[in-house]
Amino acid sequence: MKFPSDANGDALRSLYNDGVNFKKPQSVDFFVAVPDKETGEKLGQVLKGEGFNCFIEQDDETEEWACCCSKRMLLNYSELIKTQNKLDEISKPHGGYSDGWGVFVD
């Protein structure tokens, strides 16, 4: 399977090499950086309305806040980019931005 030569493509390649089934929907965690807890909670409600499961988390080391959103989907490069762009668009008015994604591998 071929993947683009960028950070998203590299992540997908790594998951593929680890044996993750790309034909089965996976729970993908998307991270949205937010300025503070209150903003994250408001944004989380908006994103829940868009079909994401969300919770707010603060990094122990940097003390930065993130709205962590998950969605079951196929691991498809263009869909991941589309979802990140959508999260970016929705979060910008709240002072946030899309800050990556990940998949928990058993």
N, C-alpha and C. Protein backbone atom coordinates (compact mmCIF):
# COMPACT_ATOMS: atom_id res chain seq x y z
N MET A 1 0.85 -1.17 0.00
CA MET A 1 0.00 0.00 0.00
C MET A 1 0.90 1.24 0.00
N LYS A 2 0.54 2.24 -0.82
CA LYS A 2 1.34 3.46 -0.91
C LYS A 2 0.69 4.57 -0.10
N PHE A 3 1.54 5.39 0.53
CA PHE A 3 1.08 6.52 1.32
C PHE A 3 1.89 7.76 0.93
N PRO A 4 1.28 8.95 1.02
CA PRO A 4 2.02 10.18 0.71
C PRO A 4 3.22 10.35 1.65
N SER A 5 4.19 11.11 1.18
CA SER A 5 5.39 11.37 1.97
C SER A 5 5.22 12.63 2.81
N ASP A 6 4.43 12.51 3.87
CA ASP A 6 4.26 13.59 4.84
C ASP A 6 3.96 12.95 6.19
N ALA A 7 3.73 13.74 7.21
CA ALA A 7 3.53 13.21 8.56
C ALA A 7 2.33 12.27 8.63
N ASN A 8 1.24 12.62 7.97
CA ASN A 8 0.05 11.75 7.98
C ASN A 8 0.32 10.45 7.24
N GLY A 9 0.97 10.54 6.09
CA GLY A 9 1.32 9.34 5.34
C GLY A 9 2.27 8.44 6.12
N ASP A 10 3.25 9.06 6.80
CA ASP A 10 4.19 8.29 7.62
C ASP A 10 3.47 7.56 8.75
N ALA A 11 2.50 8.24 9.38
CA ALA A 11 1.75 7.61 10.47
C ALA A 11 0.93 6.44 9.95
N LEU A 12 0.28 6.62 8.80
CA LEU A 12 -0.50 5.54 8.21
C LEU A 12 0.39 4.37 7.81
N ARG A 13 1.53 4.66 7.24
CA ARG A 13 2.49 3.61 6.85
C ARG A 13 2.91 2.80 8.08
N SER A 14 3.19 3.49 9.16
CA SER A 14 3.60 2.83 10.40
C SER A 14 2.48 1.92 10.92
N LEU A 15 1.24 2.41 10.90
CA LEU A 15 0.11 1.60 11.34
C LEU A 15 -0.07 0.38 10.44
N TYR A 16 0.07 0.59 9.14
CA TYR A 16 -0.05 -0.51 8.18
C TYR A 16 1.03 -1.56 8.44
N ASN A 17 2.26 -1.10 8.66
CA ASN A 17 3.37 -2.01 8.93
C ASN A 17 3.20 -2.75 10.26
N ASP A 18 2.45 -2.14 11.19
CA ASP A 18 2.17 -2.77 12.48
C ASP A 18 1.03 -3.78 12.38
N GLY A 19 0.43 -3.89 11.19
CA GLY A 19 -0.61 -4.89 10.99
C GLY A 19 -2.03 -4.42 11.26
N VAL A 20 -2.23 -3.11 11.37
CA VAL A 20 -3.58 -2.59 11.60
C VAL A 20 -4.43 -2.87 10.35
N ASN A 21 -5.66 -3.32 10.57
CA ASN A 21 -6.57 -3.65 9.48
C ASN A 21 -7.20 -2.37 8.91
N PHE A 22 -6.81 -2.00 7.70
CA PHE A 22 -7.31 -0.78 7.07
C PHE A 22 -8.69 -0.96 6.45
N LYS A 23 -9.20 -2.19 6.43
CA LYS A 23 -10.53 -2.44 5.88
C LYS A 23 -11.60 -2.41 6.97
N LYS A 24 -11.17 -2.26 8.21
CA LYS A 24 -12.09 -2.24 9.36
C LYS A 24 -12.03 -0.84 9.98
N PRO A 25 -13.21 -0.23 10.26
CA PRO A 25 -13.19 1.09 10.91
C PRO A 25 -12.44 1.04 12.24
N GLN A 26 -11.67 2.08 12.49
CA GLN A 26 -10.88 2.20 13.71
C GLN A 26 -11.37 3.43 14.50
N SER A 27 -11.12 3.44 15.78
CA SER A 27 -11.40 4.63 16.58
C SER A 27 -10.19 5.55 16.46
N VAL A 28 -10.38 6.66 15.76
CA VAL A 28 -9.30 7.61 15.53
C VAL A 28 -9.46 8.77 16.49
N ASP A 29 -8.40 9.09 17.23
CA ASP A 29 -8.41 10.21 18.16
C ASP A 29 -7.80 11.42 17.47
N PHE A 30 -8.56 12.51 17.46
CA PHE A 30 -8.08 13.77 16.90
C PHE A 30 -7.88 14.74 18.07
N PHE A 31 -6.83 15.51 18.01
CA PHE A 31 -6.49 16.43 19.09
C PHE A 31 -6.64 17.86 18.59
N VAL A 32 -7.36 18.67 19.35
CA VAL A 32 -7.56 20.08 19.01
C VAL A 32 -7.01 20.90 20.17
N ALA A 33 -5.97 21.67 19.90
CA ALA A 33 -5.38 22.54 20.93
C ALA A 33 -6.36 23.69 21.18
N VAL A 34 -6.57 24.00 22.46
CA VAL A 34 -7.46 25.09 22.86
C VAL A 34 -6.76 25.96 23.90
N PRO A 35 -7.15 27.24 24.01
CA PRO A 35 -6.45 28.13 24.92
C PRO A 35 -6.67 27.84 26.41
N ASP A 36 -7.84 27.26 26.76
CA ASP A 36 -8.12 27.01 28.18
C ASP A 36 -9.24 25.97 28.32
N LYS A 37 -9.48 25.56 29.54
CA LYS A 37 -10.46 24.52 29.82
C LYS A 37 -11.87 24.94 29.39
N GLU A 38 -12.26 26.15 29.73
CA GLU A 38 -13.61 26.63 29.41
C GLU A 38 -13.86 26.61 27.90
N THR A 39 -12.90 27.09 27.14
CA THR A 39 -13.01 27.08 25.68
C THR A 39 -13.11 25.65 25.17
N GLY A 40 -12.29 24.76 25.73
CA GLY A 40 -12.32 23.36 25.33
C GLY A 40 -13.67 22.71 25.58
N GLU A 41 -14.28 23.05 26.72
CA GLU A 41 -15.59 22.48 27.03
C GLU A 41 -16.65 22.98 26.06
N LYS A 42 -16.61 24.26 25.72
CA LYS A 42 -17.56 24.82 24.75
C LYS A 42 -17.36 24.18 23.38
N LEU A 43 -16.11 24.08 22.96
CA LEU A 43 -15.80 23.48 21.67
C LEU A 43 -16.21 22.01 21.65
N GLY A 44 -15.99 21.32 22.75
CA GLY A 44 -16.38 19.91 22.85
C GLY A 44 -17.86 19.72 22.59
N GLN A 45 -18.69 20.62 23.09
CA GLN A 45 -20.13 20.52 22.85
C GLN A 45 -20.45 20.71 21.37
N VAL A 46 -19.78 21.67 20.74
CA VAL A 46 -19.97 21.90 19.30
C VAL A 46 -19.57 20.65 18.52
N LEU A 47 -18.42 20.07 18.87
CA LEU A 47 -17.92 18.90 18.14
C LEU A 47 -18.77 17.67 18.38
N LYS A 48 -19.36 17.55 19.56
CA LYS A 48 -20.29 16.44 19.81
C LYS A 48 -21.46 16.52 18.85
N GLY A 49 -21.91 17.75 18.57
CA GLY A 49 -22.99 17.96 17.61
C GLY A 49 -22.59 17.58 16.19
N GLU A 50 -21.28 17.50 15.94
CA GLU A 50 -20.75 17.11 14.63
C GLU A 50 -20.44 15.61 14.57
N GLY A 51 -20.81 14.86 15.63
CA GLY A 51 -20.63 13.41 15.61
C GLY A 51 -19.36 12.88 16.26
N PHE A 52 -18.62 13.74 16.95
CA PHE A 52 -17.40 13.31 17.64
C PHE A 52 -17.70 13.01 19.10
N ASN A 53 -16.96 12.07 19.67
CA ASN A 53 -16.95 11.86 21.12
C ASN A 53 -15.78 12.69 21.63
N CYS A 54 -16.02 13.54 22.62
CA CYS A 54 -14.97 14.47 23.05
C CYS A 54 -14.79 14.48 24.57
N PHE A 55 -13.57 14.77 24.97
CA PHE A 55 -13.28 15.09 26.37
C PHE A 55 -12.13 16.10 26.38
N ILE A 56 -12.02 16.83 27.48
CA ILE A 56 -11.00 17.87 27.62
C ILE A 56 -9.88 17.33 28.49
N GLU A 57 -8.64 17.69 28.13
CA GLU A 57 -7.49 17.17 28.86
C GLU A 57 -6.40 18.24 28.91
N GLN A 58 -5.70 18.27 30.05
CA GLN A 58 -4.57 19.18 30.19
C GLN A 58 -3.29 18.37 30.28
N ASP A 59 -2.28 18.76 29.49
CA ASP A 59 -0.99 18.10 29.50
C ASP A 59 -0.29 18.39 30.82
N ASP A 60 0.17 17.35 31.49
CA ASP A 60 0.82 17.50 32.80
C ASP A 60 2.10 18.32 32.73
N GLU A 61 2.85 18.18 31.66
CA GLU A 61 4.14 18.86 31.55
C GLU A 61 4.00 20.30 31.04
N THR A 62 3.26 20.48 29.95
CA THR A 62 3.18 21.82 29.34
C THR A 62 2.01 22.64 29.89
N GLU A 63 1.07 21.97 30.55
CA GLU A 63 -0.15 22.57 31.08
C GLU A 63 -1.05 23.13 29.98
N GLU A 64 -0.82 22.73 28.73
CA GLU A 64 -1.67 23.15 27.62
C GLU A 64 -2.93 22.29 27.60
N TRP A 65 -4.03 22.88 27.13
CA TRP A 65 -5.31 22.19 27.07
C TRP A 65 -5.57 21.66 25.66
N ALA A 66 -6.28 20.54 25.59
CA ALA A 66 -6.68 19.96 24.31
C ALA A 66 -8.08 19.38 24.43
N CYS A 67 -8.80 19.49 23.35
CA CYS A 67 -10.08 18.81 23.23
C CYS A 67 -9.78 17.55 22.42
N CYS A 68 -9.95 16.41 23.04
CA CYS A 68 -9.65 15.13 22.40
C CYS A 68 -10.95 14.56 21.84
N CYS A 69 -10.99 14.35 20.55
CA CYS A 69 -12.21 13.91 19.86
C CYS A 69 -11.95 12.60 19.15
N SER A 70 -12.86 11.68 19.29
CA SER A 70 -12.69 10.41 18.59
C SER A 70 -13.85 10.17 17.64
N LYS A 71 -13.55 9.41 16.61
CA LYS A 71 -14.54 9.07 15.60
C LYS A 71 -14.14 7.74 14.98
N ARG A 72 -15.11 6.85 14.79
CA ARG A 72 -14.83 5.58 14.12
C ARG A 72 -14.86 5.83 12.62
N MET A 73 -13.77 5.42 11.97
CA MET A 73 -13.67 5.64 10.53
C MET A 73 -12.60 4.72 9.96
N LEU A 74 -12.63 4.59 8.65
CA LEU A 74 -11.58 3.84 7.97
C LEU A 74 -10.32 4.70 7.95
N LEU A 75 -9.17 4.07 8.02
CA LEU A 75 -7.90 4.79 7.96
C LEU A 75 -7.59 5.10 6.50
N ASN A 76 -8.11 6.21 6.06
CA ASN A 76 -7.98 6.65 4.68
C ASN A 76 -7.36 8.04 4.70
N TYR A 77 -6.26 8.21 3.99
CA TYR A 77 -5.51 9.47 4.00
C TYR A 77 -6.39 10.69 3.73
N SER A 78 -7.14 10.66 2.64
CA SER A 78 -7.93 11.85 2.29
C SER A 78 -9.02 12.13 3.31
N GLU A 79 -9.60 11.09 3.90
CA GLU A 79 -10.63 11.30 4.94
C GLU A 79 -10.02 11.87 6.22
N LEU A 80 -8.81 11.43 6.55
CA LEU A 80 -8.14 11.97 7.73
C LEU A 80 -7.83 13.46 7.54
N ILE A 81 -7.36 13.83 6.36
CA ILE A 81 -7.06 15.22 6.05
C ILE A 81 -8.35 16.05 6.09
N LYS A 82 -9.39 15.52 5.48
CA LYS A 82 -10.69 16.20 5.45
C LYS A 82 -11.21 16.44 6.88
N THR A 83 -11.09 15.43 7.74
CA THR A 83 -11.55 15.56 9.12
C THR A 83 -10.71 16.58 9.89
N GLN A 84 -9.40 16.55 9.71
CA GLN A 84 -8.54 17.53 10.37
C GLN A 84 -8.87 18.96 9.91
N ASN A 85 -9.12 19.13 8.62
CA ASN A 85 -9.47 20.45 8.10
C ASN A 85 -10.80 20.93 8.68
N LYS A 86 -11.76 19.99 8.81
CA LYS A 86 -13.06 20.33 9.39
C LYS A 86 -12.88 20.74 10.85
N LEU A 87 -12.09 20.00 11.60
CA LEU A 87 -11.83 20.34 13.00
C LEU A 87 -11.15 21.71 13.12
N ASP A 88 -10.23 21.97 12.21
CA ASP A 88 -9.53 23.26 12.19
C ASP A 88 -10.53 24.40 11.95
N GLU A 89 -11.38 24.21 10.96
CA GLU A 89 -12.38 25.23 10.61
C GLU A 89 -13.34 25.50 11.77
N ILE A 90 -13.81 24.43 12.42
CA ILE A 90 -14.76 24.58 13.52
C ILE A 90 -14.09 25.19 14.75
N SER A 91 -12.83 24.85 15.00
CA SER A 91 -12.16 25.28 16.23
C SER A 91 -11.56 26.69 16.16
N LYS A 92 -11.26 27.19 14.96
CA LYS A 92 -10.62 28.51 14.83
C LYS A 92 -11.41 29.62 15.52
N PRO A 93 -12.74 29.71 15.35
CA PRO A 93 -13.48 30.77 16.04
C PRO A 93 -13.39 30.69 17.58
N HIS A 94 -12.98 29.53 18.08
CA HIS A 94 -12.83 29.32 19.52
C HIS A 94 -11.37 29.48 19.96
N GLY A 95 -10.52 29.87 19.05
CA GLY A 95 -9.10 30.04 19.37
C GLY A 95 -8.32 28.74 19.36
N GLY A 96 -8.88 27.70 18.75
CA GLY A 96 -8.22 26.40 18.71
C GLY A 96 -7.72 26.05 17.33
N TYR A 97 -7.04 24.91 17.26
CA TYR A 97 -6.56 24.41 15.97
C TYR A 97 -6.32 22.91 16.06
N SER A 98 -6.49 22.24 14.93
CA SER A 98 -6.25 20.80 14.85
C SER A 98 -4.78 20.53 15.12
N ASP A 99 -4.51 19.55 15.99
CA ASP A 99 -3.13 19.31 16.42
C ASP A 99 -2.76 17.83 16.33
N GLY A 100 -3.23 17.17 15.27
CA GLY A 100 -2.81 15.79 15.05
C GLY A 100 -3.88 14.75 15.36
N TRP A 101 -3.50 13.51 15.16
CA TRP A 101 -4.40 12.38 15.38
C TRP A 101 -3.59 11.15 15.75
N GLY A 102 -4.30 10.14 16.22
CA GLY A 102 -3.65 8.89 16.56
C GLY A 102 -4.67 7.77 16.66
N VAL A 103 -4.15 6.55 16.69
CA VAL A 103 -5.00 5.35 16.80
C VAL A 103 -4.38 4.48 17.88
N PHE A 104 -5.20 4.02 18.81
CA PHE A 104 -4.72 3.09 19.83
C PHE A 104 -4.63 1.71 19.21
N VAL A 105 -3.45 1.13 19.23
CA VAL A 105 -3.23 -0.19 18.65
C VAL A 105 -3.08 -1.21 19.78
N ASP A 106 -3.87 -2.29 19.69
CA ASP A 106 -3.81 -3.34 20.72
C ASP A 106 -2.46 -4.01 20.74
